[in-house]
Amino acid sequence: DPVPPLQVIRPEPCCVCGSRIRFGKTAIKCSQCQLLLHTKCREQCPTLCTPRPHHHAWPREGVLADFAPSTPPLVPTLVVQCVTEVETRGLTETGLYRVPGAEQQVREWKRKLLRAGGVLPALSSVTDIHVVCGVLKDFLRGLKEPLEEGTASPLTLLPGAATDIPDDAARDTALRHVVSKLPPANRDTLAFLMLHLLKVSHSPDCKMDMLNLSRVFGPTLVGHSSANPTPLTIMEDTPQQRKVVACLLSLPPSFWRGFVETEQENLVPM
């Protein structure tokens, strides 16, 4: 028998549109992450969610797996919430991810989100969407290892091998193999981010094509060729880091979806 819809007793905001769900109205709650939304907003809800963990503060720094949920897809809730907020109200902003947010607000919100652990405050109260973008970039930059780690990851081979293969089909095959061998949390989060950045690149208002996005995210997502890079190494690695991200963005969305989309429908009436 179908479970009856949830009836709201205390007015709460819809996690999709932000409007209050009034007393006595029916609503839908996600069985995985407990997000509450209007029944009419179901189609606009992000397809990816993660089960809500017990409340505990995240570490100030760590490897990506330290922030990931215990069940797949292994994408940190902070990343999911930032991306969801950007896609909800940021895809009409020119220079998304290129225009910086206020540095102090970025630091404050990152600190607030890390203290909150898995139960994050709503980012809808952040007026400037560029601040949300800044929080996401700063979180990724602050990881102990880049998303695509240099010396400790198969992606060490990317700059000198996969991305330099002249034949497009052979290069794509090599890239797919390398990505599939990443640690699960790195692989799933990379896939989630690539799908997001492809949406940004396709927005005419953002004016952020794949080349611009690879310039912004190359140093953030891709490690260096050595564990302790010198200033010269950092300068020499930058073009390769951009090239890696550009090549990853050239892979079809269907490849990335295979890592983050689940067969089970997460949203069910409560």
Protein backbone atom coordinates (compact mmCIF):
# COMPACT_ATOMS: atom_id res chain seq x y z
CA ASP A 1 0.00 0.00 0.00
CA PRO A 2 1.27 3.50 -0.75
CA VAL A 3 2.49 5.52 2.21
CA PRO A 4 0.30 8.63 2.75
CA PRO A 5 1.98 12.00 2.07
CA LEU A 6 3.54 13.81 4.99
CA GLN A 7 1.33 16.51 6.52
CA VAL A 8 3.18 19.59 7.73
CA ILE A 9 2.48 20.53 11.35
CA ARG A 10 5.13 23.23 11.75
CA PRO A 11 5.79 25.53 8.76
CA GLU A 12 9.18 24.71 7.21
CA PRO A 13 10.96 26.00 4.09
CA CYS A 14 10.96 23.93 0.91
CA CYS A 15 14.54 22.85 0.16
CA VAL A 16 14.03 23.47 -3.58
CA CYS A 17 12.20 26.80 -3.94
CA GLY A 18 12.80 28.20 -0.44
CA SER A 19 9.13 29.12 0.14
CA ARG A 20 7.48 27.99 3.35
CA ILE A 21 5.38 24.84 3.32
CA ARG A 22 2.36 25.99 5.30
CA PHE A 23 0.53 24.24 8.10
CA GLY A 24 -1.67 21.37 6.94
CA LYS A 25 -0.19 21.20 3.43
CA THR A 26 1.18 17.93 2.03
CA ALA A 27 4.88 17.61 1.32
CA ILE A 28 7.49 15.08 0.23
CA LYS A 29 10.49 14.09 2.31
CA CYS A 30 13.55 12.32 0.89
CA SER A 31 13.99 8.91 2.49
CA GLN A 32 17.79 9.24 2.23
CA CYS A 33 18.74 12.79 3.22
CA GLN A 34 15.45 13.95 4.81
CA LEU A 35 15.09 17.03 2.57
CA LEU A 36 11.54 18.42 2.70
CA LEU A 37 9.89 19.93 -0.37
CA HIS A 38 6.57 20.85 -1.98
CA THR A 39 5.00 18.08 -4.04
CA LYS A 40 5.08 20.48 -7.02
CA CYS A 41 8.87 20.93 -6.59
CA ARG A 42 9.68 17.24 -6.85
CA GLU A 43 10.86 17.43 -10.47
CA GLN A 44 13.29 20.25 -9.63
CA CYS A 45 14.92 18.37 -6.77
CA PRO A 46 18.56 17.32 -7.43
CA THR A 47 18.89 13.68 -8.43
CA LEU A 48 21.82 13.08 -6.11
CA CYS A 49 21.54 13.06 -2.36
CA THR A 50 23.39 11.44 0.47
CA PRO A 51 22.03 9.94 3.68
CA ARG A 52 22.15 12.43 6.53
CA PRO A 53 24.75 11.30 9.07
CA HIS A 54 24.72 11.85 12.80
CA HIS A 55 25.75 15.38 13.65
CA HIS A 56 29.46 15.75 14.21
CA ALA A 57 31.89 18.41 13.08
CA TRP A 58 34.11 17.60 10.14
CA PRO A 59 37.87 18.05 10.50
CA ARG A 60 39.29 21.37 9.35
CA GLU A 61 41.33 19.48 6.80
CA GLY A 62 41.62 15.91 5.57
CA VAL A 63 41.48 13.68 2.52
CA LEU A 64 38.27 13.63 0.53
CA ALA A 65 37.14 10.32 2.03
CA ASP A 66 37.09 11.94 5.50
CA PHE A 67 34.13 14.07 4.37
CA ALA A 68 32.29 11.51 2.24
CA PRO A 69 29.17 9.60 3.38
CA SER A 70 29.33 5.90 4.19
CA THR A 71 27.09 4.83 1.29
CA PRO A 72 27.55 5.56 -2.43
CA PRO A 73 27.73 7.83 -4.24
CA LEU A 74 30.62 8.99 -2.06
CA VAL A 75 30.21 12.73 -2.57
CA PRO A 76 30.56 14.98 0.51
CA THR A 77 27.31 16.66 1.54
CA LEU A 78 29.07 20.03 1.47
CA VAL A 79 29.88 19.55 -2.23
CA VAL A 80 26.33 18.40 -3.03
CA GLN A 81 24.75 21.35 -1.24
CA CYS A 82 27.07 23.96 -2.81
CA VAL A 83 26.51 22.55 -6.31
CA THR A 84 22.74 22.34 -5.78
CA GLU A 85 22.62 25.98 -4.65
CA VAL A 86 24.72 27.13 -7.61
CA GLU A 87 22.53 25.25 -10.09
CA THR A 88 19.36 26.59 -8.44
CA ARG A 89 20.19 30.28 -8.75
CA GLY A 90 23.64 30.73 -10.28
CA LEU A 91 23.40 29.57 -13.90
CA THR A 92 22.45 33.07 -15.04
CA GLU A 93 25.47 34.72 -13.38
CA THR A 94 28.26 35.93 -15.65
CA GLY A 95 31.70 34.63 -14.73
CA LEU A 96 30.50 31.86 -12.42
CA TYR A 97 33.53 30.44 -10.53
CA ARG A 98 35.77 33.09 -12.15
CA VAL A 99 34.35 36.09 -10.27
CA PRO A 100 35.52 35.85 -6.64
CA GLY A 101 33.17 36.05 -3.68
CA ALA A 102 33.95 38.22 -0.66
CA GLU A 103 36.93 36.50 0.98
CA GLN A 104 35.75 37.01 4.55
CA GLN A 105 32.29 35.59 3.80
CA VAL A 106 33.84 32.59 2.03
CA ARG A 107 35.99 31.85 5.09
CA GLU A 108 33.08 32.31 7.50
CA TRP A 109 30.72 30.05 5.56
CA LYS A 110 33.33 27.37 5.02
CA ARG A 111 34.06 27.37 8.76
CA LYS A 112 30.34 27.24 9.54
CA LEU A 113 29.76 24.30 7.19
CA LEU A 114 32.73 22.33 8.51
CA ARG A 115 31.54 22.86 12.09
CA ALA A 116 28.05 21.68 11.12
CA GLY A 117 29.31 18.34 9.80
CA GLY A 118 26.71 16.45 7.77
CA VAL A 119 23.74 18.55 8.94
CA LEU A 120 24.39 21.72 6.97
CA PRO A 121 22.67 25.10 7.30
CA ALA A 122 20.74 26.28 4.23
CA LEU A 123 22.90 28.13 1.71
CA SER A 124 19.85 30.01 0.43
CA SER A 125 20.65 32.69 3.02
CA VAL A 126 23.96 33.46 1.26
CA THR A 127 23.04 36.50 -0.83
CA ASP A 128 25.99 36.38 -3.24
CA ILE A 129 26.17 33.11 -5.20
CA HIS A 130 29.86 33.79 -5.87
CA VAL A 131 30.44 33.25 -2.14
CA VAL A 132 28.96 29.74 -2.47
CA CYS A 133 31.27 29.11 -5.45
CA GLY A 134 34.18 30.34 -3.35
CA VAL A 135 33.31 27.97 -0.51
CA LEU A 136 33.32 25.00 -2.89
CA LYS A 137 36.65 25.96 -4.46
CA ASP A 138 38.24 26.67 -1.08
CA PHE A 139 37.04 23.34 0.31
CA LEU A 140 38.57 21.46 -2.64
CA ARG A 141 41.82 23.44 -2.40
CA GLY A 142 42.03 22.71 1.33
CA LEU A 143 42.04 18.93 0.95
CA LYS A 144 45.24 17.24 2.03
CA GLU A 145 45.47 15.67 -1.40
CA PRO A 146 44.02 17.24 -4.54
CA LEU A 147 40.94 15.56 -5.95
CA GLU A 148 43.20 13.94 -8.52
CA GLU A 149 46.26 13.23 -6.43
CA GLY A 150 49.73 13.49 -7.93
CA THR A 151 52.23 10.94 -6.73
CA ALA A 152 49.82 8.64 -4.86
CA SER A 153 47.22 8.25 -7.59
CA PRO A 154 47.00 6.64 -11.04
CA LEU A 155 46.38 10.15 -12.34
CA THR A 156 50.12 10.69 -12.06
CA LEU A 157 50.11 9.20 -15.56
CA LEU A 158 47.71 11.76 -17.00
CA PRO A 159 50.01 14.66 -17.92
CA GLY A 160 52.63 12.49 -19.63
CA ALA A 161 50.42 9.73 -20.96
CA ALA A 162 46.65 9.83 -21.37
CA THR A 163 46.20 13.51 -22.19
CA ASP A 164 49.03 13.47 -24.74
CA ILE A 165 47.61 10.61 -26.83
CA PRO A 166 46.91 12.19 -30.24
CA ASP A 167 44.07 9.85 -31.20
CA ASP A 168 40.85 11.07 -29.56
CA ALA A 169 39.28 7.63 -29.13
CA ALA A 170 42.44 6.13 -27.62
CA ARG A 171 42.86 9.12 -25.30
CA ASP A 172 39.27 8.86 -24.09
CA THR A 173 39.71 5.14 -23.41
CA ALA A 174 42.87 5.82 -21.39
CA LEU A 175 41.14 8.61 -19.44
CA ARG A 176 38.17 6.40 -18.60
CA HIS A 177 40.51 3.70 -17.31
CA VAL A 178 42.47 6.12 -15.13
CA VAL A 179 39.31 7.69 -13.66
CA SER A 180 37.82 4.27 -12.87
CA LYS A 181 40.95 3.42 -10.82
CA LEU A 182 40.68 6.48 -8.57
CA PRO A 183 39.76 6.00 -4.89
CA PRO A 184 35.93 5.73 -4.73
CA ALA A 185 35.32 9.08 -2.98
CA ASN A 186 37.63 10.90 -5.41
CA ARG A 187 36.06 9.18 -8.42
CA ASP A 188 32.45 9.86 -7.38
CA THR A 189 33.12 13.48 -6.41
CA LEU A 190 35.04 14.11 -9.63
CA ALA A 191 32.11 12.68 -11.63
CA PHE A 192 29.61 14.85 -9.75
CA LEU A 193 31.73 17.97 -10.33
CA MET A 194 32.24 17.22 -14.03
CA LEU A 195 28.48 16.94 -14.59
CA HIS A 196 28.02 20.22 -12.76
CA LEU A 197 30.74 22.04 -14.70
CA LEU A 198 29.29 20.78 -17.98
CA LYS A 199 25.99 22.45 -17.01
CA VAL A 200 27.85 25.67 -16.26
CA SER A 201 29.69 25.50 -19.60
CA HIS A 202 26.40 25.11 -21.48
CA SER A 203 24.83 28.20 -19.87
CA PRO A 204 25.12 31.16 -22.28
CA ASP A 205 24.67 33.62 -19.41
CA CYS A 206 27.66 32.31 -17.44
CA LYS A 207 30.12 32.82 -20.31
CA MET A 208 32.28 30.06 -18.83
CA ASP A 209 33.18 27.58 -21.55
CA MET A 210 35.31 24.47 -20.98
CA LEU A 211 38.53 26.40 -21.54
CA ASN A 212 37.66 29.01 -18.91
CA LEU A 213 36.55 26.34 -16.44
CA SER A 214 39.74 24.33 -16.97
CA ARG A 215 41.76 27.46 -16.17
CA VAL A 216 39.86 27.92 -12.91
CA PHE A 217 39.71 24.29 -11.79
CA GLY A 218 42.99 22.89 -13.17
CA PRO A 219 45.13 23.86 -10.15
CA THR A 220 42.24 23.01 -7.78
CA LEU A 221 41.45 19.50 -9.02
CA VAL A 222 44.75 18.18 -10.36
CA GLY A 223 47.86 17.44 -8.33
CA HIS A 224 51.47 18.23 -9.15
CA SER A 225 54.08 15.98 -10.70
CA SER A 226 56.01 15.79 -7.41
CA ALA A 227 55.06 15.56 -3.75
CA ASN A 228 56.82 18.83 -2.81
CA PRO A 229 56.71 21.03 -5.90
CA THR A 230 59.06 23.97 -6.24
CA PRO A 231 57.77 27.32 -7.54
CA LEU A 232 59.20 26.38 -10.94
CA THR A 233 57.39 23.02 -10.88
CA ILE A 234 54.12 24.72 -9.96
CA MET A 235 54.51 27.10 -12.90
CA GLU A 236 55.39 24.27 -15.29
CA ASP A 237 52.52 22.06 -14.09
CA THR A 238 49.80 24.69 -14.57
CA PRO A 239 49.31 24.19 -18.34
CA GLN A 240 49.14 20.42 -17.85
CA GLN A 241 46.62 20.77 -15.02
CA ARG A 242 44.38 22.84 -17.28
CA LYS A 243 44.78 20.30 -20.06
CA VAL A 244 43.75 17.45 -17.75
CA VAL A 245 40.51 19.19 -16.73
CA ALA A 246 39.74 20.13 -20.34
CA CYS A 247 40.18 16.50 -21.39
CA LEU A 248 37.99 15.27 -18.52
CA LEU A 249 35.26 17.74 -19.51
CA SER A 250 35.40 16.38 -23.05
CA LEU A 251 34.24 12.94 -21.87
CA PRO A 252 30.50 12.33 -22.42
CA PRO A 253 28.10 13.01 -19.52
CA SER A 254 26.89 9.40 -19.69
CA PHE A 255 30.32 8.24 -18.51
CA TRP A 256 30.20 10.46 -15.43
CA ARG A 257 26.57 9.62 -14.65
CA GLY A 258 27.51 5.98 -14.31
CA PHE A 259 29.36 6.78 -11.07
CA VAL A 260 26.78 8.97 -9.31
CA GLU A 261 23.32 8.02 -10.50
CA THR A 262 21.53 5.34 -8.51
CA GLU A 263 18.79 3.09 -9.82
CA GLN A 264 16.68 3.56 -6.72
CA GLU A 265 14.31 6.53 -6.63
CA ASN A 266 15.30 8.41 -3.49
CA LEU A 267 12.30 10.70 -3.27
CA VAL A 268 9.22 8.94 -1.96
CA PRO A 269 6.05 10.33 -0.37
CA MET A 270 6.12 10.09 3.42
